[in-house]
C-alpha atoms as a PDB file:
ATOM      1  CA  MET A   1       0.170   0.086  -0.073  1.00  0.00           C
ATOM      2  CA  ALA A   2       1.361   3.480  -0.736  1.00  0.00           C
ATOM      3  CA  VAL A   3       1.959   5.601   2.189  1.00  0.00           C
ATOM      4  CA  GLU A   4       0.152   9.031   2.023  1.00  0.00           C
ATOM      5  CA  ILE A   5       2.268  12.106   3.205  1.00  0.00           C
ATOM      6  CA  ASP A   6       0.110  14.975   4.628  1.00  0.00           C
ATOM      7  CA  ALA A   7       1.850  18.043   3.452  1.00  0.00           C
ATOM      8  CA  GLU A   8       0.301  20.565   5.370  1.00  0.00           C
ATOM      9  CA  ARG A   9       0.569  18.704   8.960  1.00  0.00           C
ATOM     10  CA  CYS A  10       4.003  17.849   7.798  1.00  0.00           C
ATOM     11  CA  ALA A  11       4.934  21.813   7.203  1.00  0.00           C
ATOM     12  CA  THR A  12       3.219  22.912  10.404  1.00  0.00           C
ATOM     13  CA  GLU A  13       4.991  20.022  12.274  1.00  0.00           C
ATOM     14  CA  TYR A  14       8.553  21.334  10.780  1.00  0.00           C
ATOM     15  CA  ALA A  15       7.832  24.949  12.199  1.00  0.00           C
ATOM     16  CA  ALA A  16       7.304  23.176  15.808  1.00  0.00           C
ATOM     17  CA  THR A  17      10.048  21.014  15.431  1.00  0.00           C
ATOM     18  CA  ARG A  18      12.181  24.163  14.804  1.00  0.00           C
ATOM     19  CA  ALA A  19      10.797  25.676  18.075  1.00  0.00           C
ATOM     20  CA  ARG A  20      11.802  22.085  19.834  1.00  0.00           C
ATOM     21  CA  VAL A  21      15.174  21.958  18.484  1.00  0.00           C
ATOM     22  CA  ARG A  22      15.759  25.654  19.866  1.00  0.00           C
ATOM     23  CA  GLU A  23      14.672  24.479  23.360  1.00  0.00           C
ATOM     24  CA  VAL A  24      16.981  21.687  23.292  1.00  0.00           C
ATOM     25  CA  LEU A  25      19.960  23.773  22.167  1.00  0.00           C
ATOM     26  CA  SER A  26      19.304  26.863  24.114  1.00  0.00           C
ATOM     27  CA  ASP A  27      21.972  28.222  26.613  1.00  0.00           C
ATOM     28  CA  LEU A  28      24.873  26.100  25.931  1.00  0.00           C
ATOM     29  CA  SER A  29      28.388  26.453  27.152  1.00  0.00           C
ATOM     30  CA  PRO A  30      31.303  26.278  24.578  1.00  0.00           C
ATOM     31  CA  GLY A  31      32.109  22.910  26.013  1.00  0.00           C
ATOM     32  CA  GLN A  32      28.510  21.877  25.071  1.00  0.00           C
ATOM     33  CA  GLU A  33      28.465  22.875  21.997  1.00  0.00           C
ATOM     34  CA  GLU A  34      31.465  20.914  21.148  1.00  0.00           C
ATOM     35  CA  THR A  35      29.803  17.606  22.558  1.00  0.00           C
ATOM     36  CA  VAL A  36      30.086  14.705  20.277  1.00  0.00           C
ATOM     37  CA  VAL A  37      26.744  13.440  19.246  1.00  0.00           C
ATOM     38  CA  PRO A  38      26.418   9.604  19.849  1.00  0.00           C
ATOM     39  CA  ALA A  39      23.777   8.961  16.796  1.00  0.00           C
ATOM     40  CA  CYS A  40      26.421  11.064  14.431  1.00  0.00           C
ATOM     41  CA  PRO A  41      29.792  10.438  15.870  1.00  0.00           C
ATOM     42  CA  ASP A  42      31.578  12.474  13.585  1.00  0.00           C
ATOM     43  CA  TRP A  43      29.598  15.614  14.617  1.00  0.00           C
ATOM     44  CA  THR A  44      29.353  17.824  17.576  1.00  0.00           C
ATOM     45  CA  VAL A  45      26.299  19.558  18.718  1.00  0.00           C
ATOM     46  CA  ARG A  46      27.486  22.649  16.720  1.00  0.00           C
ATOM     47  CA  ASN A  47      27.965  20.758  13.862  1.00  0.00           C
ATOM     48  CA  LEU A  48      24.561  18.976  13.697  1.00  0.00           C
ATOM     49  CA  ALA A  49      22.741  22.734  14.135  1.00  0.00           C
ATOM     50  CA  ALA A  50      25.275  23.547  11.268  1.00  0.00           C
ATOM     51  CA  HIS A  51      23.552  20.990   9.262  1.00  0.00           C
ATOM     52  CA  LEU A  52      20.221  21.861  10.196  1.00  0.00           C
ATOM     53  CA  ALA A  53      20.583  25.478   9.519  1.00  0.00           C
ATOM     54  CA  GLY A  54      22.658  24.927   6.214  1.00  0.00           C
ATOM     55  CA  VAL A  55      20.014  22.239   4.550  1.00  0.00           C
ATOM     56  CA  ALA A  56      17.237  24.796   5.241  1.00  0.00           C
ATOM     57  CA  ALA A  57      19.150  27.716   3.898  1.00  0.00           C
ATOM     58  CA  ASP A  58      20.443  25.996   1.007  1.00  0.00           C
ATOM     59  CA  LEU A  59      17.229  24.562  -0.069  1.00  0.00           C
ATOM     60  CA  VAL A  60      15.396  27.593   0.181  1.00  0.00           C
ATOM     61  CA  ALA A  61      18.029  29.619  -1.902  1.00  0.00           C
ATOM     62  CA  ARG A  62      17.923  27.040  -4.404  1.00  0.00           C
ATOM     63  CA  ARG A  63      21.363  25.948  -3.677  1.00  0.00           C
ATOM     64  CA  ASN A  64      20.328  22.172  -4.426  1.00  0.00           C
ATOM     65  CA  PRO A  65      22.691  19.353  -4.530  1.00  0.00           C
ATOM     66  CA  THR A  66      23.810  18.457  -7.647  1.00  0.00           C
ATOM     67  CA  GLY A  67      25.693  15.339  -7.278  1.00  0.00           C
ATOM     68  CA  ASP A  68      26.959  13.593  -4.036  1.00  0.00           C
ATOM     69  CA  THR A  69      24.508  14.774  -1.164  1.00  0.00           C
ATOM     70  CA  GLN A  70      26.741  13.975   1.326  1.00  0.00           C
ATOM     71  CA  ALA A  71      29.686  16.286  -0.127  1.00  0.00           C
ATOM     72  CA  TRP A  72      26.862  19.187  -0.034  1.00  0.00           C
ATOM     73  CA  VAL A  73      25.907  18.498   3.494  1.00  0.00           C
ATOM     74  CA  ASP A  74      29.533  18.311   4.581  1.00  0.00           C
ATOM     75  CA  ALA A  75      30.290  21.857   2.803  1.00  0.00           C
ATOM     76  CA  GLN A  76      27.292  23.263   5.003  1.00  0.00           C
ATOM     77  CA  VAL A  77      28.731  22.099   8.103  1.00  0.00           C
ATOM     78  CA  ALA A  78      32.342  23.031   7.179  1.00  0.00           C
ATOM     79  CA  GLU A  79      31.156  26.606   5.954  1.00  0.00           C
ATOM     80  CA  ARG A  80      29.660  27.213   9.643  1.00  0.00           C
ATOM     81  CA  ALA A  81      32.048  25.328  11.729  1.00  0.00           C
ATOM     82  CA  ALA A  82      33.027  28.489  13.831  1.00  0.00           C
ATOM     83  CA  VAL A  83      29.679  29.877  14.131  1.00  0.00           C
ATOM     84  CA  PRO A  84      27.979  29.756  17.849  1.00  0.00           C
ATOM     85  CA  VAL A  85      24.797  27.608  18.005  1.00  0.00           C
ATOM     86  CA  ALA A  86      22.748  30.533  18.964  1.00  0.00           C
ATOM     87  CA  GLU A  87      23.453  31.974  15.500  1.00  0.00           C
ATOM     88  CA  LEU A  88      22.961  28.836  13.492  1.00  0.00           C
ATOM     89  CA  LEU A  89      19.129  28.416  15.506  1.00  0.00           C
ATOM     90  CA  ASP A  90      18.613  32.175  14.218  1.00  0.00           C
ATOM     91  CA  GLU A  91      19.919  30.951  10.449  1.00  0.00           C
ATOM     92  CA  PHE A  92      17.526  27.778  10.795  1.00  0.00           C
ATOM     93  CA  ASP A  93      14.541  30.033  11.903  1.00  0.00           C
ATOM     94  CA  ALA A  94      15.074  32.687   9.381  1.00  0.00           C
ATOM     95  CA  ALA A  95      15.002  29.942   6.628  1.00  0.00           C
ATOM     96  CA  GLY A  96      12.398  28.013   8.272  1.00  0.00           C
ATOM     97  CA  PRO A  97       9.254  29.497   6.815  1.00  0.00           C
ATOM     98  CA  GLY A  98      10.448  29.363   3.196  1.00  0.00           C
ATOM     99  CA  PHE A  99      11.591  25.644   3.444  1.00  0.00           C
ATOM    100  CA  GLU A 100       7.851  24.827   5.162  1.00  0.00           C
ATOM    101  CA  GLY A 101       6.650  26.609   2.037  1.00  0.00           C
ATOM    102  CA  LEU A 102       8.555  24.068   0.005  1.00  0.00           C
ATOM    103  CA  ILE A 103       6.879  21.371   1.893  1.00  0.00           C
ATOM    104  CA  ARG A 104       3.367  22.394   1.177  1.00  0.00           C
ATOM    105  CA  ASN A 105       4.236  22.920  -2.640  1.00  0.00           C
ATOM    106  CA  ARG A 106       6.216  19.941  -2.905  1.00  0.00           C
ATOM    107  CA  PRO A 107       5.769  17.037  -0.469  1.00  0.00           C
ATOM    108  CA  ARG A 108       7.393  14.568  -2.044  1.00  0.00           C
ATOM    109  CA  SER A 109      10.548  16.404  -2.581  1.00  0.00           C
ATOM    110  CA  PHE A 110      10.757  17.971   0.638  1.00  0.00           C
ATOM    111  CA  ALA A 111       8.244  16.436   3.436  1.00  0.00           C
ATOM    112  CA  GLY A 112      10.956  13.745   4.256  1.00  0.00           C
ATOM    113  CA  LEU A 113      13.127  16.357   5.863  1.00  0.00           C
ATOM    114  CA  LEU A 114      10.685  16.565   8.708  1.00  0.00           C
ATOM    115  CA  TYR A 115      12.098  13.201   9.514  1.00  0.00           C
ATOM    116  CA  ASP A 116      15.591  14.366   9.289  1.00  0.00           C
ATOM    117  CA  VAL A 117      14.968  17.190  11.881  1.00  0.00           C
ATOM    118  CA  VAL A 118      12.872  15.281  14.023  1.00  0.00           C
ATOM    119  CA  SER A 119      15.724  12.988  14.146  1.00  0.00           C
ATOM    120  CA  HIS A 120      18.164  15.274  14.854  1.00  0.00           C
ATOM    121  CA  GLU A 121      16.096  17.041  17.630  1.00  0.00           C
ATOM    122  CA  HIS A 122      16.361  13.854  19.402  1.00  0.00           C
ATOM    123  CA  ASP A 123      19.898  12.949  18.265  1.00  0.00           C
ATOM    124  CA  ALA A 124      20.667  16.226  20.222  1.00  0.00           C
ATOM    125  CA  ALA A 125      18.858  15.909  23.238  1.00  0.00           C
ATOM    126  CA  ASN A 126      20.523  12.536  23.634  1.00  0.00           C
ATOM    127  CA  ALA A 127      23.845  13.872  23.426  1.00  0.00           C
ATOM    128  CA  LEU A 128      23.162  16.679  25.824  1.00  0.00           C
ATOM    129  CA  GLY A 129      21.029  14.709  28.339  1.00  0.00           C
ATOM    130  CA  ARG A 130      18.048  16.934  27.761  1.00  0.00           C
ATOM    131  CA  PRO A 131      14.475  16.131  27.531  1.00  0.00           C
ATOM    132  CA  ALA A 132      12.972  16.053  24.399  1.00  0.00           C
ATOM    133  CA  ASP A 133       9.010  15.168  23.358  1.00  0.00           C
ATOM    134  CA  ARG A 134       9.076  11.664  22.341  1.00  0.00           C
ATOM    135  CA  SER A 135       5.280  11.757  21.531  1.00  0.00           C
ATOM    136  CA  SER A 136       5.355  14.687  19.353  1.00  0.00           C
ATOM    137  CA  GLU A 137       3.044  15.089  16.188  1.00  0.00           C
ATOM    138  CA  GLY A 138       6.864  14.803  14.255  1.00  0.00           C
ATOM    139  CA  VAL A 139       7.667  11.505  15.629  1.00  0.00           C
ATOM    140  CA  VAL A 140       4.122  10.325  14.140  1.00  0.00           C
ATOM    141  CA  LEU A 141       4.482  12.151  10.924  1.00  0.00           C
ATOM    142  CA  SER A 142       8.016  10.517  10.637  1.00  0.00           C
ATOM    143  CA  LEU A 143       6.822   7.353  10.662  1.00  0.00           C
ATOM    144  CA  ASP A 144       4.659   7.817   7.732  1.00  0.00           C
ATOM    145  CA  ILE A 145       7.622   9.372   5.955  1.00  0.00           C
ATOM    146  CA  MET A 146       9.904   6.591   6.842  1.00  0.00           C
ATOM    147  CA  PHE A 147       7.604   3.873   5.718  1.00  0.00           C
ATOM    148  CA  ASP A 148       7.212   5.508   2.283  1.00  0.00           C
ATOM    149  CA  MET A 149      11.003   5.326   1.974  1.00  0.00           C
ATOM    150  CA  VAL A 150      10.729   1.523   3.501  1.00  0.00           C
ATOM    151  CA  GLU A 151       8.293   0.524   0.779  1.00  0.00           C
ATOM    152  CA  ARG A 152      10.676   1.979  -2.126  1.00  0.00           C
ATOM    153  CA  ASP A 153      13.641   0.308  -0.467  1.00  0.00           C
ATOM    154  CA  LEU A 154      12.177  -2.985  -0.050  1.00  0.00           C
ATOM    155  CA  ALA A 155      10.989  -2.761  -3.803  1.00  0.00           C
ATOM    156  CA  ALA A 156      14.434  -1.712  -4.988  1.00  0.00           C
ATOM    157  CA  ASN A 157      16.000  -4.462  -3.344  1.00  0.00           C
ATOM    158  CA  GLY A 158      13.421  -7.212  -4.303  1.00  0.00           C
ATOM    159  CA  LEU A 159      12.205  -7.648  -0.735  1.00  0.00           C
ATOM    160  CA  GLY A 160       8.858  -8.972   0.249  1.00  0.00           C
ATOM    161  CA  ALA A 161       6.569  -6.952   2.532  1.00  0.00           C
ATOM    162  CA  VAL A 162       7.016  -5.889   6.178  1.00  0.00           C
ATOM    163  CA  ARG A 163       4.274  -5.148   8.854  1.00  0.00           C
ATOM    164  CA  CYS A 164       5.114  -2.694  11.694  1.00  0.00           C
ATOM    165  CA  SER A 165       2.818  -1.562  14.528  1.00  0.00           C
ATOM    166  CA  ASP A 166       3.033   0.897  17.563  1.00  0.00           C
ATOM    167  CA  GLY A 167      -0.009  -0.509  18.986  1.00  0.00           C
ATOM    168  CA  VAL A 168      -2.354   2.296  17.627  1.00  0.00           C
ATOM    169  CA  ARG A 169      -1.447   2.427  14.085  1.00  0.00           C
ATOM    170  CA  SER A 170       0.091  -0.203  11.694  1.00  0.00           C
ATOM    171  CA  TRP A 171       1.980  -0.012   8.474  1.00  0.00           C
ATOM    172  CA  GLU A 172       2.209  -2.847   5.921  1.00  0.00           C
ATOM    173  CA  VAL A 173       4.471  -2.044   2.965  1.00  0.00           C
ATOM    174  CA  GLY A 174       6.203  -3.941   0.611  1.00  0.00           C
ATOM    175  CA  GLU A 175       4.765  -6.547  -2.213  1.00  0.00           C
ATOM    176  CA  GLY A 176       3.966 -10.234  -1.552  1.00  0.00           C
ATOM    177  CA  GLU A 177       3.992 -12.121   1.482  1.00  0.00           C
ATOM    178  CA  VAL A 178       4.815 -10.447   4.710  1.00  0.00           C
ATOM    179  CA  GLY A 179       8.049 -11.772   6.008  1.00  0.00           C
ATOM    180  CA  LEU A 180       9.078  -9.393   9.016  1.00  0.00           C
ATOM    181  CA  THR A 181       6.740  -8.127  11.710  1.00  0.00           C
ATOM    182  CA  ILE A 182       7.169  -6.016  14.854  1.00  0.00           C
ATOM    183  CA  GLU A 183       5.090  -4.272  17.407  1.00  0.00           C
ATOM    184  CA  THR A 184       6.625  -1.698  19.861  1.00  0.00           C
ATOM    185  CA  ASP A 185       6.255   1.626  21.387  1.00  0.00           C
ATOM    186  CA  THR A 186       5.954   4.581  18.671  1.00  0.00           C
ATOM    187  CA  TYR A 187       9.174   6.362  19.696  1.00  0.00           C
ATOM    188  CA  GLU A 188      11.069   2.792  19.743  1.00  0.00           C
ATOM    189  CA  LEU A 189       9.917   2.020  16.293  1.00  0.00           C
ATOM    190  CA  PHE A 190      10.668   5.646  15.087  1.00  0.00           C
ATOM    191  CA  ARG A 191      14.271   5.082  16.280  1.00  0.00           C
ATOM    192  CA  LEU A 192      14.493   1.336  14.819  1.00  0.00           C
ATOM    193  CA  VAL A 193      13.356   2.114  11.427  1.00  0.00           C
ATOM    194  CA  GLY A 194      15.209   5.541  11.583  1.00  0.00           C
ATOM    195  CA  SER A 195      18.330   3.950  11.450  1.00  0.00           C
ATOM    196  CA  ARG A 196      19.194   4.933  15.209  1.00  0.00           C
ATOM    197  CA  ARG A 197      19.879   1.462  16.365  1.00  0.00           C
ATOM    198  CA  SER A 198      22.812  -0.767  16.158  1.00  0.00           C
ATOM    199  CA  LEU A 199      22.316  -4.050  14.300  1.00  0.00           C
ATOM    200  CA  HIS A 200      22.719  -5.526  18.003  1.00  0.00           C
ATOM    201  CA  GLN A 201      20.190  -3.644  19.095  1.00  0.00           C
ATOM    202  CA  MET A 202      17.932  -4.103  16.071  1.00  0.00           C
ATOM    203  CA  ARG A 203      18.154  -8.140  16.446  1.00  0.00           C
ATOM    204  CA  ASP A 204      17.154  -7.597  20.150  1.00  0.00           C
ATOM    205  CA  ALA A 205      14.279  -5.495  19.357  1.00  0.00           C
ATOM    206  CA  GLY A 206      11.761  -8.232  18.840  1.00  0.00           C
ATOM    207  CA  PHE A 207      11.193  -8.654  15.148  1.00  0.00           C
ATOM    208  CA  VAL A 208       9.744 -11.778  14.015  1.00  0.00           C
ATOM    209  CA  GLY A 209      10.722 -12.985  10.587  1.00  0.00           C
ATOM    210  CA  ASP A 210      13.964 -12.771   8.628  1.00  0.00           C
ATOM    211  CA  LEU A 211      15.299  -9.365  10.058  1.00  0.00           C
ATOM    212  CA  ASP A 212      18.771  -9.822   8.436  1.00  0.00           C
ATOM    213  CA  ALA A 213      17.278 -10.379   5.107  1.00  0.00           C
ATOM    214  CA  HIS A 214      14.999  -7.038   5.227  1.00  0.00           C
ATOM    215  CA  LEU A 215      17.608  -4.851   6.512  1.00  0.00           C
ATOM    216  CA  PRO A 216      18.411  -3.143   3.181  1.00  0.00           C
ATOM    217  CA  GLY A 217      14.666  -2.156   2.771  1.00  0.00           C
ATOM    218  CA  LEU A 218      13.914  -1.473   6.532  1.00  0.00           C
ATOM    219  CA  CYS A 219      16.933   0.537   7.168  1.00  0.00           C
ATOM    220  CA  HIS A 220      17.603   3.746   4.995  1.00  0.00           C
ATOM    221  CA  LEU A 221      20.997   4.973   6.367  1.00  0.00           C
ATOM    222  CA  PRO A 222      23.662   2.726   7.721  1.00  0.00           C
ATOM    223  CA  LEU A 223      23.185   1.465  11.367  1.00  0.00           C
ATOM    224  CA  PRO A 224      25.414   2.878  14.021  1.00  0.00           C
ATOM    225  CA  THR A 225      28.340   0.491  14.808  1.00  0.00           C
ATOM    226  CA  THR A 226      27.606   0.815  18.605  1.00  0.00           C
ATOM    227  CA  ASP A 227      24.731   0.720  20.753  1.00  0.00           C
ATOM    228  CA  LEU A 228      22.858   3.947  20.903  1.00  0.00           C
ATOM    229  CA  VAL A 229      21.242   4.190  24.474  1.00  0.00           C
ATOM    230  CA  GLU A 230      18.421   6.645  25.398  1.00  0.00           C
END
């Protein structure tokens, strides 16, 4: 089944997530800005903020990636390496309304970045030992976005269907017989499908079926090499 992406809800929640990110990253000391982010170990908290600001600013200005997306992201982070987090948050907020307009006008191209910003909201909170809203609308909508990606990745890898549930909603995506199922809480499902659990944690999560065979379709990004404990 095709997963429906609600453009207006995604745009509205992108704005709400920007506000939550500001709360998580407010009043940081210089040392806190240099805290390594366990979910993104090549980045500090400042680098993560630079990524969020850079992606929104570049896309609003139509400086889209033309080849290697990772090189595009790396350049954004490098250009802002010495910029304080408070200024990066201001840049993020300045670009935000324009980016939310892109989500409304072209959800298939831009709504997926709601998942990116919600994921990094929780990555930053975990790094800093600060609270974040694990029941936000952003977490809920990110699951729809991620299962849309899962459906495409399953097809690209010639894999059968998967069925996942958070106890309230369920997603059955892919073609053919269901070869993998799981039911867990909403936030844990968000982190499992969002490539924020190690292979060890994935195997211990309670999947029923052939997890290893379905991993290329279930996880859009490389898994962490060490357990991410939240």
